[in-house]
Amino acid sequence: MASWRHLRTQIGAAPWLPLVLLAVACSEDQPSAPTRLSATLLAGEASIVIRGTVVTPDGFIKHGYVGIVNGRVVSVSDKQPDMPDAIKVNTEGIILPGFVDLHNHVPWNVLPRWRPGRTFTSQPQWADDPEFQRFSAPFDHLVASSFCDMNAWGELRALVGGTTSVMATRSFPCIHGLVRNLDFNSGFYGTTELDREHIFNVAGFRLPPPSDVTGRAAFVQAARFFIANPFYEALAMHVAEGTDASAEEQFTFLLSRSLLNPKGILIHGISLGASDFQAMVATGTALVWSPRSNLELYGATANIAAALDAGVEIALAPDWALTGSSNMLDELHTAAQWNRERLGGRLTDRQLVDMVTSVPARVAQVDDEIGAIRPGLRGDLVVLSGEPDDPYGAVIRATPAQVQLVLIAGVPLYGDRALTERFWDPADLEEITLLGTPKTLATPAAGVAVAAIAARLQAALTEEGASLAPLTESR
């Protein structure tokens, strides 16, 4: 993890330069030679029309059509668009924007679930706990040699749950994205260079404790640099991750230094109260809510009722699969249960769906690219099976087994063979089994072979006395 000393040396550098420069030698899986439609699909030049119940910013179209050309949505209608050369597929499913995950620790998700059996009051408390240190040792030992595989496995875990964009939290040359990496290589600003993103994720640079005066001064300097620099449009940071006084002190420190701002995305906010959320609204600061991981580690989660009363914009994200959800669909399930049991059903199903699509895209300032299905935006879509008369409820109840198709930039990347074979030659598709349900990954687009990655990771983890986490878990 990069140090604050290294960060400080970068403050005066050009804003497009990476703040974390790490290199790793990693092997590349070589998929089979592209066939049939692969060339046009991979180039983003294919025209596609998919039919189903389309979730739009204005509601949903029960028998709708989405037209995609050159990787972008060109039409959304209840009438079939006039695109004679397009590949036309009736999904008979629910078509919605791909999920946008603003809080994850992708490479960590190779490890199985950690069950501490007790709760903690702060992030340092569990991070320094000897039990967690033993549990996480395999990650520390393997990350330098196996990062590319580890990150790919973590991205696969996100993909099978319908995620098309994620915060990756680490900068390595192999970050090119099975899903879009919003903080290192989203594809929005070019596809061959890292760190051209307008989002800065400070997950690796947590606010130092009050006793570290130098570290806090560096944090303030860095934060003011990002806030003042128009190149950066969003600044995500872990704040108030815990239930003790030190967690709340983090927020009051930011407030006292005028560091809350419209670019700000606060992750966790467990200890915040009504006046804190009002201060967030006054400064245009958003919240990322990760209930399952919060409850597992701290026995508590953010006061969502108070945040809603104040008018805070709230995005939902898993945190990581070690103590959080395996994927966004599972996190939606957790949030929906919390909504029923603790919020009196205050959030509608549509609001919950917005918390994993349009809201995170908006607070990360990428809603001009993703987060909704409308002409001009990228063709990042997920198709789920479910009741067309209740599409939002169907999304809330869905499991990864119901993910029929995932498209990123209009490229059908993953899903049921019955749909993926409409776009790819069968030889292009690698079969994956999720809890007994067969799925497929388009290897020419993914650039990886799942079986090969799994074999390498399992062998490496076995040597460390650990096992590889499954791509998804049963609830």
Protein backbone atom coordinates (compact mmCIF):
# COMPACT_ATOMS: atom_id res chain seq x y z
CA MET A 1 0.00 0.00 0.00
CA ALA A 2 1.35 3.41 -0.93
CA SER A 3 2.55 5.66 1.86
CA TRP A 4 1.55 9.21 2.71
CA ARG A 5 5.13 10.26 2.02
CA HIS A 6 4.73 8.99 -1.55
CA LEU A 7 1.39 10.77 -1.89
CA ARG A 8 2.87 14.04 -0.75
CA THR A 9 5.59 13.86 -3.38
CA GLN A 10 2.89 13.66 -6.03
CA ILE A 11 0.82 16.66 -5.02
CA GLY A 12 2.71 19.02 -7.28
CA ALA A 13 2.71 16.63 -10.22
CA ALA A 14 0.45 16.90 -13.22
CA PRO A 15 -3.05 15.72 -12.25
CA TRP A 16 -3.21 12.99 -14.83
CA LEU A 17 -0.13 11.23 -13.45
CA PRO A 18 -0.80 8.15 -11.29
CA LEU A 19 -0.44 8.55 -7.57
CA VAL A 20 0.35 4.89 -7.17
CA LEU A 21 2.86 3.41 -9.63
CA LEU A 22 3.13 -0.34 -9.25
CA ALA A 23 4.33 -2.91 -11.75
CA VAL A 24 3.75 -6.63 -11.85
CA ALA A 25 4.74 -9.35 -14.26
CA CYS A 26 1.72 -11.45 -15.11
CA SER A 27 0.85 -14.00 -17.74
CA GLU A 28 -1.98 -13.41 -20.19
CA ASP A 29 -4.41 -16.16 -21.05
CA GLN A 30 -4.71 -16.56 -24.78
CA PRO A 31 -8.30 -17.19 -25.84
CA SER A 32 -9.08 -19.06 -29.02
CA ALA A 33 -9.03 -17.21 -32.31
CA PRO A 34 -12.15 -15.08 -32.86
CA THR A 35 -14.82 -16.47 -35.13
CA ARG A 36 -18.07 -15.43 -36.77
CA LEU A 37 -19.25 -12.11 -35.32
CA SER A 38 -16.29 -11.70 -32.98
CA ALA A 39 -14.46 -9.10 -35.04
CA THR A 40 -17.34 -6.63 -35.20
CA LEU A 41 -18.38 -7.28 -31.60
CA LEU A 42 -14.88 -6.74 -30.25
CA ALA A 43 -14.45 -3.59 -32.29
CA GLY A 44 -17.71 -2.26 -30.86
CA GLU A 45 -19.07 -1.91 -34.37
CA ALA A 46 -21.95 -4.39 -34.15
CA SER A 47 -25.53 -3.15 -34.17
CA ILE A 48 -27.69 -4.89 -31.58
CA VAL A 49 -31.37 -4.75 -30.71
CA ILE A 50 -32.54 -6.49 -27.57
CA ARG A 51 -36.17 -6.80 -26.49
CA GLY A 52 -37.61 -7.17 -23.01
CA THR A 53 -39.01 -5.13 -20.14
CA VAL A 54 -36.78 -2.05 -20.28
CA VAL A 55 -36.11 -0.05 -17.12
CA THR A 56 -35.68 3.59 -18.12
CA PRO A 57 -35.21 6.85 -16.18
CA ASP A 58 -38.96 7.46 -16.56
CA GLY A 59 -40.19 4.05 -15.48
CA PHE A 60 -40.30 0.89 -17.55
CA ILE A 61 -41.47 -0.28 -20.95
CA LYS A 62 -42.99 -3.75 -20.65
CA HIS A 63 -42.39 -4.73 -24.27
CA GLY A 64 -39.50 -2.48 -25.12
CA TYR A 65 -36.52 -2.40 -27.42
CA VAL A 66 -32.99 -1.12 -26.84
CA GLY A 67 -30.89 -0.39 -29.92
CA ILE A 68 -27.10 -0.23 -29.60
CA VAL A 69 -24.64 0.93 -32.24
CA ASN A 70 -20.89 1.37 -31.78
CA GLY A 71 -21.19 0.55 -28.10
CA ARG A 72 -23.79 3.21 -27.30
CA VAL A 73 -27.54 3.20 -26.89
CA VAL A 74 -29.19 4.82 -29.90
CA SER A 75 -32.86 4.08 -29.24
CA VAL A 76 -35.21 3.09 -26.42
CA SER A 77 -38.78 2.51 -27.48
CA ASP A 78 -41.85 0.30 -27.41
CA LYS A 79 -41.43 0.00 -31.18
CA GLN A 80 -38.76 -2.09 -32.87
CA PRO A 81 -36.16 0.32 -34.27
CA ASP A 82 -35.38 0.38 -37.97
CA MET A 83 -31.98 -1.30 -37.81
CA PRO A 84 -32.04 -3.93 -40.58
CA ASP A 85 -28.43 -5.08 -40.10
CA ALA A 86 -28.67 -5.45 -36.35
CA ILE A 87 -28.48 -8.66 -34.35
CA LYS A 88 -31.98 -8.89 -32.85
CA VAL A 89 -32.62 -10.89 -29.69
CA ASN A 90 -35.81 -11.18 -27.65
CA THR A 91 -34.49 -11.74 -24.14
CA GLU A 92 -37.94 -12.03 -22.54
CA GLY A 93 -36.22 -10.60 -19.48
CA ILE A 94 -35.84 -7.37 -17.57
CA ILE A 95 -33.29 -5.02 -19.15
CA LEU A 96 -31.73 -2.46 -16.84
CA PRO A 97 -28.51 -0.45 -16.53
CA GLY A 98 -25.48 -2.41 -15.40
CA PHE A 99 -24.78 -2.04 -11.70
CA VAL A 100 -22.26 0.61 -10.60
CA ASP A 101 -20.24 -0.47 -7.54
CA LEU A 102 -18.50 2.47 -5.84
CA HIS A 103 -17.06 0.49 -2.94
CA ASN A 104 -15.20 -2.75 -3.29
CA HIS A 105 -11.74 -4.20 -2.78
CA VAL A 106 -11.66 -6.35 -5.87
CA PRO A 107 -8.46 -8.46 -5.58
CA TRP A 108 -9.27 -9.36 -1.97
CA ASN A 109 -12.30 -11.29 -3.17
CA VAL A 110 -10.22 -14.36 -3.98
CA LEU A 111 -10.32 -15.16 -0.26
CA PRO A 112 -13.26 -17.03 1.26
CA ARG A 113 -15.62 -15.41 3.72
CA TRP A 114 -14.15 -14.29 7.04
CA ARG A 115 -16.40 -14.84 10.03
CA PRO A 116 -14.84 -13.14 13.06
CA GLY A 117 -17.57 -14.28 15.45
CA ARG A 118 -17.55 -10.92 17.22
CA THR A 119 -17.94 -7.26 16.38
CA PHE A 120 -15.52 -4.34 16.51
CA THR A 121 -15.78 -0.63 17.15
CA SER A 122 -13.38 0.65 14.47
CA GLN A 123 -11.62 -0.37 11.26
CA PRO A 124 -8.12 -0.50 12.83
CA GLN A 125 -9.42 -2.78 15.55
CA TRP A 126 -10.28 -5.65 13.21
CA ALA A 127 -7.54 -4.90 10.68
CA ASP A 128 -4.92 -5.28 13.45
CA ASP A 129 -6.61 -8.28 15.04
CA PRO A 130 -4.29 -11.35 15.06
CA GLU A 131 -7.09 -13.55 13.72
CA PHE A 132 -7.59 -11.33 10.68
CA GLN A 133 -3.84 -10.99 10.22
CA ARG A 134 -3.59 -14.80 9.97
CA PHE A 135 -6.60 -14.99 7.70
CA SER A 136 -5.36 -12.30 5.32
CA ALA A 137 -1.71 -13.43 5.18
CA PRO A 138 -2.24 -15.36 1.89
CA PHE A 139 -3.33 -12.15 0.21
CA ASP A 140 -0.24 -10.30 1.37
CA HIS A 141 2.01 -13.14 0.23
CA LEU A 142 0.46 -13.55 -3.24
CA VAL A 143 -0.53 -10.06 -4.36
CA ALA A 144 2.86 -9.19 -5.91
CA SER A 145 3.04 -12.34 -8.04
CA SER A 146 -0.63 -13.08 -8.69
CA PHE A 147 -2.38 -9.71 -8.73
CA CYS A 148 -3.62 -9.99 -12.31
CA ASP A 149 -5.34 -13.31 -11.63
CA MET A 150 -6.63 -12.08 -8.27
CA ASN A 151 -8.13 -8.96 -9.77
CA ALA A 152 -9.65 -10.90 -12.67
CA TRP A 153 -11.30 -13.32 -10.22
CA GLY A 154 -12.66 -10.42 -8.20
CA GLU A 155 -14.03 -8.81 -11.35
CA LEU A 156 -15.65 -12.10 -12.35
CA ARG A 157 -17.36 -12.21 -8.97
CA ALA A 158 -18.74 -8.74 -9.66
CA LEU A 159 -19.74 -9.56 -13.24
CA VAL A 160 -21.81 -12.63 -12.40
CA GLY A 161 -23.94 -10.42 -10.14
CA GLY A 162 -24.65 -7.87 -12.88
CA THR A 163 -21.96 -5.29 -12.11
CA THR A 164 -20.52 -3.47 -15.12
CA SER A 165 -18.47 -0.78 -13.30
CA VAL A 166 -16.50 -1.05 -10.07
CA MET A 167 -13.99 0.83 -7.95
CA ALA A 168 -10.88 -1.36 -8.17
CA THR A 169 -8.68 0.32 -5.52
CA ARG A 170 -5.30 -0.76 -6.99
CA SER A 171 -3.28 0.39 -10.00
CA PHE A 172 -1.47 -2.35 -11.91
CA PRO A 173 -0.67 -2.49 -15.64
CA CYS A 174 -3.04 -5.43 -16.19
CA ILE A 175 -6.07 -3.37 -15.14
CA HIS A 176 -7.99 -3.27 -18.39
CA GLY A 177 -11.28 -4.47 -17.05
CA LEU A 178 -13.61 -7.40 -17.38
CA VAL A 179 -15.83 -4.73 -15.87
CA ARG A 180 -15.02 -1.03 -16.02
CA ASN A 181 -12.53 0.07 -13.38
CA LEU A 182 -13.77 3.55 -12.53
CA ASP A 183 -10.68 4.65 -10.64
CA PHE A 184 -7.99 3.30 -12.97
CA ASN A 185 -9.29 2.29 -16.41
CA SER A 186 -12.93 2.95 -17.18
CA GLY A 187 -12.54 3.22 -20.94
CA PHE A 188 -14.21 6.64 -20.86
CA TYR A 189 -10.97 8.53 -21.53
CA GLY A 190 -9.08 6.07 -23.70
CA THR A 191 -8.53 2.34 -23.42
CA THR A 192 -4.76 1.86 -23.32
CA GLU A 193 -3.55 4.04 -20.44
CA LEU A 194 -4.14 3.81 -16.71
CA ASP A 195 -5.00 6.64 -14.35
CA ARG A 196 -6.76 8.93 -16.77
CA GLU A 197 -9.86 8.80 -14.58
CA HIS A 198 -11.60 11.78 -13.06
CA ILE A 199 -12.42 9.86 -9.88
CA PHE A 200 -9.88 9.54 -7.10
CA ASN A 201 -10.44 6.74 -4.62
CA VAL A 202 -8.55 7.31 -1.39
CA ALA A 203 -9.27 3.85 0.05
CA GLY A 204 -5.53 3.27 0.33
CA PHE A 205 -4.98 6.59 2.10
CA ARG A 206 -7.22 6.56 5.13
CA LEU A 207 -7.46 9.60 7.37
CA PRO A 208 -4.64 9.23 9.90
CA PRO A 209 -5.47 9.34 13.62
CA PRO A 210 -5.35 12.68 15.46
CA SER A 211 -1.99 11.76 16.96
CA ASP A 212 -0.43 11.77 13.48
CA VAL A 213 -0.26 15.52 12.99
CA THR A 214 2.00 15.27 9.94
CA GLY A 215 -0.19 12.65 8.32
CA ARG A 216 -3.31 14.71 8.88
CA ALA A 217 -1.68 17.78 7.41
CA ALA A 218 -0.76 15.74 4.34
CA PHE A 219 -4.32 14.44 4.09
CA VAL A 220 -5.72 17.96 4.18
CA GLN A 221 -3.21 19.10 1.56
CA ALA A 222 -4.09 16.19 -0.71
CA ALA A 223 -7.84 16.63 -0.27
CA ARG A 224 -7.67 20.35 -1.04
CA PHE A 225 -5.62 19.60 -4.14
CA PHE A 226 -8.24 17.20 -5.47
CA ILE A 227 -11.15 19.44 -4.52
CA ALA A 228 -9.64 22.50 -6.20
CA ASN A 229 -8.43 20.72 -9.32
CA PRO A 230 -11.17 20.67 -11.98
CA PHE A 231 -9.67 17.53 -13.53
CA TYR A 232 -11.10 15.50 -10.64
CA GLU A 233 -14.87 15.22 -10.48
CA ALA A 234 -15.31 12.79 -7.57
CA LEU A 235 -13.36 12.03 -4.40
CA ALA A 236 -14.27 8.83 -2.52
CA MET A 237 -13.01 8.20 1.01
CA HIS A 238 -13.69 5.92 3.98
CA VAL A 239 -15.12 8.01 6.83
CA ALA A 240 -16.75 7.10 10.15
CA GLU A 241 -16.17 3.39 9.63
CA GLY A 242 -17.02 2.24 13.12
CA THR A 243 -19.11 2.98 16.17
CA ASP A 244 -16.65 4.59 18.58
CA ALA A 245 -15.71 8.23 19.16
CA SER A 246 -12.75 8.02 16.79
CA ALA A 247 -15.10 7.23 13.90
CA GLU A 248 -17.22 10.30 14.55
CA GLU A 249 -14.10 12.42 15.04
CA GLN A 250 -13.10 11.68 11.45
CA PHE A 251 -16.23 13.37 10.17
CA THR A 252 -15.97 16.38 12.46
CA PHE A 253 -12.35 16.82 11.38
CA LEU A 254 -13.36 16.90 7.71
CA LEU A 255 -16.13 19.35 8.50
CA SER A 256 -13.82 21.60 10.52
CA ARG A 257 -11.35 21.75 7.64
CA SER A 258 -14.09 22.50 5.08
CA LEU A 259 -13.33 19.26 3.22
CA LEU A 260 -16.94 18.23 2.66
CA ASN A 261 -17.75 19.22 -0.90
CA PRO A 262 -19.87 18.33 -3.95
CA LYS A 263 -17.16 15.97 -5.21
CA GLY A 264 -17.20 14.07 -1.94
CA ILE A 265 -18.37 10.47 -1.63
CA LEU A 266 -18.21 9.26 1.98
CA ILE A 267 -18.02 5.50 2.35
CA HIS A 268 -19.66 3.88 5.43
CA GLY A 269 -20.70 6.79 7.72
CA ILE A 270 -21.77 4.33 10.42
CA SER A 271 -21.47 6.73 13.36
CA LEU A 272 -23.07 9.75 11.69
CA GLY A 273 -26.14 11.43 13.11
CA ALA A 274 -28.84 13.78 11.87
CA SER A 275 -26.74 16.96 12.04
CA ASP A 276 -23.88 15.22 10.21
CA PHE A 277 -26.15 14.23 7.36
CA GLN A 278 -27.53 17.75 7.21
CA ALA A 279 -23.96 19.02 6.84
CA MET A 280 -23.44 16.55 4.02
CA VAL A 281 -26.50 17.82 2.19
CA ALA A 282 -25.44 21.43 2.69
CA THR A 283 -22.10 20.65 1.03
CA GLY A 284 -23.43 18.26 -1.64
CA THR A 285 -21.62 15.24 -0.19
CA ALA A 286 -22.96 11.73 -0.94
CA LEU A 287 -22.93 8.47 1.03
CA VAL A 288 -22.07 4.90 0.05
CA TRP A 289 -23.91 2.36 2.20
CA SER A 290 -22.53 -1.18 2.72
CA PRO A 291 -24.95 -2.76 5.19
CA ARG A 292 -23.93 -6.43 5.16
CA SER A 293 -20.25 -5.79 5.82
CA ASN A 294 -21.07 -3.10 8.39
CA LEU A 295 -23.34 -5.44 10.31
CA GLU A 296 -20.84 -8.29 10.19
CA LEU A 297 -17.91 -6.20 11.42
CA TYR A 298 -19.54 -3.60 13.66
CA GLY A 299 -23.03 -4.87 14.46
CA ALA A 300 -24.41 -1.60 13.12
CA THR A 301 -24.75 0.29 9.87
CA ALA A 302 -25.39 3.86 8.74
CA ASN A 303 -28.52 5.61 10.02
CA ILE A 304 -30.27 5.51 6.67
CA ALA A 305 -33.50 6.96 8.06
CA ALA A 306 -31.64 10.07 9.23
CA ALA A 307 -29.76 10.28 5.93
CA LEU A 308 -33.04 10.10 4.02
CA ASP A 309 -34.62 12.72 6.30
CA ALA A 310 -31.75 15.06 5.49
CA GLY A 311 -31.89 14.34 1.76
CA VAL A 312 -28.48 12.68 1.35
CA GLU A 313 -27.89 10.87 -1.92
CA ILE A 314 -27.20 7.22 -1.08
CA ALA A 315 -25.50 4.60 -3.23
CA LEU A 316 -25.34 0.93 -2.27
CA ALA A 317 -22.18 -1.23 -2.57
CA PRO A 318 -20.88 -4.51 -1.09
CA ASP A 319 -17.52 -3.33 0.41
CA TRP A 320 -15.93 -6.72 -0.31
CA ALA A 321 -16.95 -10.37 -0.28
CA LEU A 322 -14.94 -11.23 2.83
CA THR A 323 -17.52 -9.76 5.20
CA GLY A 324 -19.95 -8.16 2.75
CA SER A 325 -21.96 -9.50 -0.14
CA SER A 326 -20.60 -11.61 -2.99
CA ASN A 327 -22.11 -9.21 -5.51
CA MET A 328 -24.52 -6.34 -5.97
CA LEU A 329 -27.61 -8.53 -6.25
CA ASP A 330 -26.85 -10.02 -2.85
CA GLU A 331 -26.26 -6.55 -1.39
CA LEU A 332 -29.61 -5.43 -2.79
CA HIS A 333 -31.18 -8.36 -0.97
CA THR A 334 -29.55 -7.25 2.31
CA ALA A 335 -30.65 -3.64 1.81
CA ALA A 336 -34.20 -4.70 0.98
CA GLN A 337 -34.39 -6.82 4.13
CA TRP A 338 -33.06 -3.91 6.24
CA ASN A 339 -35.61 -1.65 4.57
CA ARG A 340 -38.47 -3.99 5.50
CA GLU A 341 -37.33 -4.72 9.05
CA ARG A 342 -35.74 -1.44 10.16
CA LEU A 343 -36.99 1.31 7.87
CA GLY A 344 -40.65 0.33 7.72
CA GLY A 345 -40.49 -0.11 3.95
CA ARG A 346 -39.60 3.54 3.51
CA LEU A 347 -37.51 2.85 0.41
CA THR A 348 -39.39 1.71 -2.66
CA ASP A 349 -38.03 -1.09 -4.82
CA ARG A 350 -37.34 1.49 -7.50
CA GLN A 351 -35.29 3.60 -5.07
CA LEU A 352 -33.24 0.54 -4.12
CA VAL A 353 -32.57 -0.23 -7.79
CA ASP A 354 -31.58 3.40 -8.34
CA MET A 355 -29.05 3.02 -5.50
CA VAL A 356 -27.05 0.55 -7.61
CA THR A 357 -27.53 2.24 -11.01
CA SER A 358 -28.35 5.91 -11.50
CA VAL A 359 -27.38 7.22 -8.05
CA PRO A 360 -23.78 5.88 -7.97
CA ALA A 361 -23.27 7.02 -11.56
CA ARG A 362 -24.50 10.50 -10.67
CA VAL A 363 -22.47 10.96 -7.48
CA ALA A 364 -19.34 9.68 -9.25
CA GLN A 365 -20.00 12.19 -12.06
CA VAL A 366 -20.12 9.48 -14.74
CA ASP A 367 -23.86 9.68 -15.42
CA ASP A 368 -23.05 11.18 -18.81
CA GLU A 369 -21.67 7.73 -19.68
CA ILE A 370 -23.48 5.06 -17.63
CA GLY A 371 -26.17 4.50 -15.00
CA ALA A 372 -29.28 4.68 -17.18
CA ILE A 373 -30.69 3.37 -20.43
CA ARG A 374 -31.08 6.34 -22.70
CA PRO A 375 -29.72 7.34 -26.12
CA GLY A 376 -26.12 8.50 -26.05
CA LEU A 377 -25.03 6.52 -23.00
CA ARG A 378 -22.82 3.44 -23.10
CA GLY A 379 -24.43 0.08 -23.75
CA ASP A 380 -23.67 -1.26 -20.26
CA LEU A 381 -26.69 -3.42 -19.52
CA VAL A 382 -27.77 -6.38 -17.45
CA VAL A 383 -30.72 -8.63 -18.33
CA LEU A 384 -32.46 -10.59 -15.56
CA SER A 385 -35.25 -13.11 -15.64
CA GLY A 386 -38.25 -12.08 -13.55
CA GLU A 387 -41.82 -10.86 -13.45
CA PRO A 388 -42.25 -8.18 -16.15
CA ASP A 389 -45.18 -6.55 -14.34
CA ASP A 390 -42.97 -5.90 -11.30
CA PRO A 391 -39.49 -5.30 -12.71
CA TYR A 392 -38.09 -3.40 -9.72
CA GLY A 393 -39.28 -6.04 -7.27
CA ALA A 394 -37.94 -8.73 -9.56
CA VAL A 395 -34.49 -7.11 -9.50
CA ILE A 396 -34.56 -6.92 -5.70
CA ARG A 397 -35.42 -10.63 -5.47
CA ALA A 398 -33.05 -11.82 -8.21
CA THR A 399 -30.05 -14.06 -7.71
CA PRO A 400 -26.97 -14.47 -9.93
CA ALA A 401 -28.66 -17.54 -11.43
CA GLN A 402 -31.19 -15.13 -12.99
CA VAL A 403 -28.58 -13.02 -14.78
CA GLN A 404 -29.35 -13.83 -18.40
CA LEU A 405 -26.97 -11.44 -20.13
CA VAL A 406 -24.42 -8.73 -19.30
CA LEU A 407 -23.26 -6.27 -21.96
CA ILE A 408 -20.45 -3.75 -21.53
CA ALA A 409 -20.05 -1.11 -24.25
CA GLY A 410 -22.59 -3.06 -26.27
CA VAL A 411 -20.49 -6.24 -26.15
CA PRO A 412 -22.37 -9.30 -24.80
CA LEU A 413 -19.80 -10.56 -22.32
CA TYR A 414 -21.54 -13.03 -20.05
CA GLY A 415 -24.82 -14.87 -19.58
CA ASP A 416 -26.99 -17.82 -20.53
CA ARG A 417 -25.82 -19.84 -23.51
CA ALA A 418 -29.22 -19.50 -25.16
CA LEU A 419 -28.55 -15.75 -25.46
CA THR A 420 -24.77 -15.58 -25.77
CA GLU A 421 -24.83 -18.01 -28.72
CA ARG A 422 -26.95 -15.48 -30.59
CA PHE A 423 -23.83 -13.30 -30.69
CA TRP A 424 -20.84 -15.64 -30.46
CA ASP A 425 -19.72 -18.88 -31.99
CA PRO A 426 -20.08 -21.70 -29.41
CA ALA A 427 -16.30 -22.17 -29.51
CA ASP A 428 -15.93 -18.61 -28.20
CA LEU A 429 -17.86 -19.38 -25.00
CA GLU A 430 -16.38 -20.83 -21.83
CA GLU A 431 -18.92 -22.52 -19.59
CA ILE A 432 -19.07 -21.52 -15.93
CA THR A 433 -21.27 -23.20 -13.33
CA LEU A 434 -22.76 -21.06 -10.54
CA LEU A 435 -24.29 -23.16 -7.77
CA GLY A 436 -25.41 -25.71 -10.34
CA THR A 437 -26.56 -23.16 -12.94
CA PRO A 438 -24.59 -23.09 -16.22
CA LYS A 439 -23.45 -19.72 -17.56
CA THR A 440 -21.01 -18.67 -20.27
CA LEU A 441 -18.24 -16.10 -20.68
CA ALA A 442 -17.24 -14.79 -24.11
CA THR A 443 -13.49 -15.38 -24.01
CA PRO A 444 -12.60 -13.18 -27.02
CA ALA A 445 -14.09 -10.19 -25.19
CA ALA A 446 -12.97 -11.17 -21.69
CA GLY A 447 -9.41 -12.01 -22.71
CA VAL A 448 -9.17 -14.57 -19.91
CA ALA A 449 -9.93 -18.24 -19.35
CA VAL A 450 -11.81 -18.74 -16.09
CA ALA A 451 -10.73 -22.36 -15.59
CA ALA A 452 -7.06 -21.44 -16.01
CA ILE A 453 -7.30 -18.54 -13.57
CA ALA A 454 -9.11 -20.70 -11.03
CA ALA A 455 -6.49 -23.44 -11.30
CA ARG A 456 -3.59 -21.04 -10.82
CA LEU A 457 -5.20 -19.27 -7.90
CA GLN A 458 -6.27 -22.46 -6.17
CA ALA A 459 -2.76 -23.87 -6.46
CA ALA A 460 -1.22 -20.67 -5.09
CA LEU A 461 -3.71 -20.39 -2.23
CA THR A 462 -3.35 -24.05 -1.32
CA GLU A 463 0.36 -23.50 -0.78
CA GLU A 464 -0.62 -20.74 1.65
CA GLY A 465 -3.06 -22.98 3.49
CA ALA A 466 -6.10 -21.19 2.07
CA SER A 467 -8.81 -21.91 -0.50
CA LEU A 468 -10.24 -19.97 -3.42
CA ALA A 469 -13.57 -18.26 -2.87
CA PRO A 470 -16.39 -19.35 -5.19
CA LEU A 471 -17.65 -16.98 -7.84
CA THR A 472 -20.88 -16.67 -5.91
CA GLU A 473 -22.41 -17.96 -2.70
CA SER A 474 -25.87 -19.09 -1.71
CA ARG A 475 -27.69 -16.61 0.48
